Structure formats: C-alpha cells, structure tokens
Protein backbone atom coordinates (compact mmCIF):
# COMPACT_ATOMS: atom_id res chain seq x y z
CA MET A 1 101.17 81.29 99.48
CA THR A 2 101.35 77.91 101.21
CA ASP A 3 103.97 76.05 103.17
CA GLU A 4 105.20 72.58 102.22
CA ALA A 5 102.33 70.98 104.20
CA GLY A 6 99.79 72.93 102.12
CA LYS A 7 98.78 75.30 104.94
CA VAL A 8 98.04 78.85 103.74
CA THR A 9 100.70 81.12 105.18
CA ASP A 10 99.93 84.40 103.41
CA ARG A 11 97.37 86.01 101.13
CA GLY A 12 97.56 89.09 99.00
CA PRO A 13 97.40 90.54 95.53
CA VAL A 14 99.90 89.73 92.82
CA SER A 15 100.76 92.43 90.35
CA PHE A 16 103.18 93.22 87.57
CA ARG A 17 104.48 96.63 86.65
CA PHE A 18 105.52 97.42 83.12
CA VAL A 19 107.19 100.79 82.96
CA ARG A 20 108.19 102.54 79.76
CA GLY A 21 111.95 102.48 79.46
CA THR A 22 112.35 99.43 81.71
CA PRO A 23 115.79 97.84 81.18
CA GLU A 24 116.21 94.51 79.43
CA ALA A 25 115.24 91.47 81.53
CA TYR A 26 118.85 90.31 81.95
CA LEU A 27 119.64 93.63 83.68
CA ARG A 28 116.72 93.49 86.15
CA THR A 29 116.54 91.63 89.43
CA THR A 30 114.46 91.48 92.59
CA LEU A 31 116.21 91.09 95.90
CA LEU A 32 114.14 89.44 98.66
CA ALA A 33 114.95 90.19 102.29
CA ARG A 34 113.42 89.45 105.69
CA ASP A 35 113.60 91.89 108.57
CA THR A 36 113.86 90.98 112.26
CA SER A 37 110.08 91.16 112.73
CA GLY A 38 109.54 88.51 110.01
CA LYS A 39 108.29 90.83 107.24
CA LEU A 40 109.35 89.84 103.72
CA TRP A 41 110.40 92.71 101.44
CA ALA A 42 111.07 92.93 97.70
CA TYR A 43 113.63 95.38 96.32
CA ASP A 44 113.31 95.80 92.54
CA SER A 45 116.70 96.74 91.11
CA VAL A 46 118.74 97.00 87.94
CA TYR A 47 122.41 96.42 87.20
CA ARG A 48 124.11 99.53 85.91
CA ASP A 49 127.85 100.10 85.73
CA SER A 50 128.44 96.79 87.59
CA ARG A 51 126.32 97.99 90.55
CA LEU A 52 122.89 97.00 91.83
CA ILE A 53 120.71 100.13 91.84
CA PRO A 54 117.23 100.22 93.44
CA VAL A 55 114.46 101.19 91.02
CA TRP A 56 111.52 101.58 93.40
CA THR A 57 111.22 101.74 97.16
CA ARG A 58 110.92 98.37 98.86
CA GLN A 59 107.53 96.68 98.96
CA GLN A 60 106.32 94.39 101.71
CA ILE A 61 105.26 91.12 100.08
CA GLY A 62 104.73 88.91 103.12
CA HIS A 63 104.87 88.45 106.85
CA GLY A 64 105.51 85.59 109.23
CA TRP A 65 108.90 84.77 107.69
CA GLY A 66 110.70 85.00 111.06
CA ILE A 67 110.93 81.20 111.27
CA CYS A 68 112.73 80.94 107.91
CA ASN A 69 116.47 81.17 107.45
CA ALA A 70 116.58 80.67 103.66
CA ILE A 71 114.43 81.38 100.62
CA LEU A 72 114.96 78.85 97.84
C-alpha cells in the first residue's frame, strides 16, 4: 500500500476467502475501522433481517493509520 506521494506505507499478503454457502454479493460488506493506536481492522459482515451481522472475527489489515481521519 502506498500513500499519495508513492511512499510505501504498509506491506502484507492479500487473500480472498470463498466459503460454501456465502451470501450473495449484494448482501455482503466489509466494514473498515481504525483503533486509537492506528491499527486498521476489517470486519466482514452480511445483512440479514435489516441488520449488519459479523461473519468472521475482525482481521488487522494495516497499521500506521493514526494520522488518517477518513478512508475514501
């Protein structure tokens, strides 16, 4: 991952999980959140009965995000 100046800000593996019985794409979402220490977390979720329900436990996908106040 790089910042807008092209400086590498993070490195790590990229993976995809295909799980039997996974809901249709329009029902799935990933919520991104940053904690107070600057770690970036992904929460894979699905919409069911008009509610967002976590599918897996959160996964740390980055660090050093403490300087950011928005993810676009």
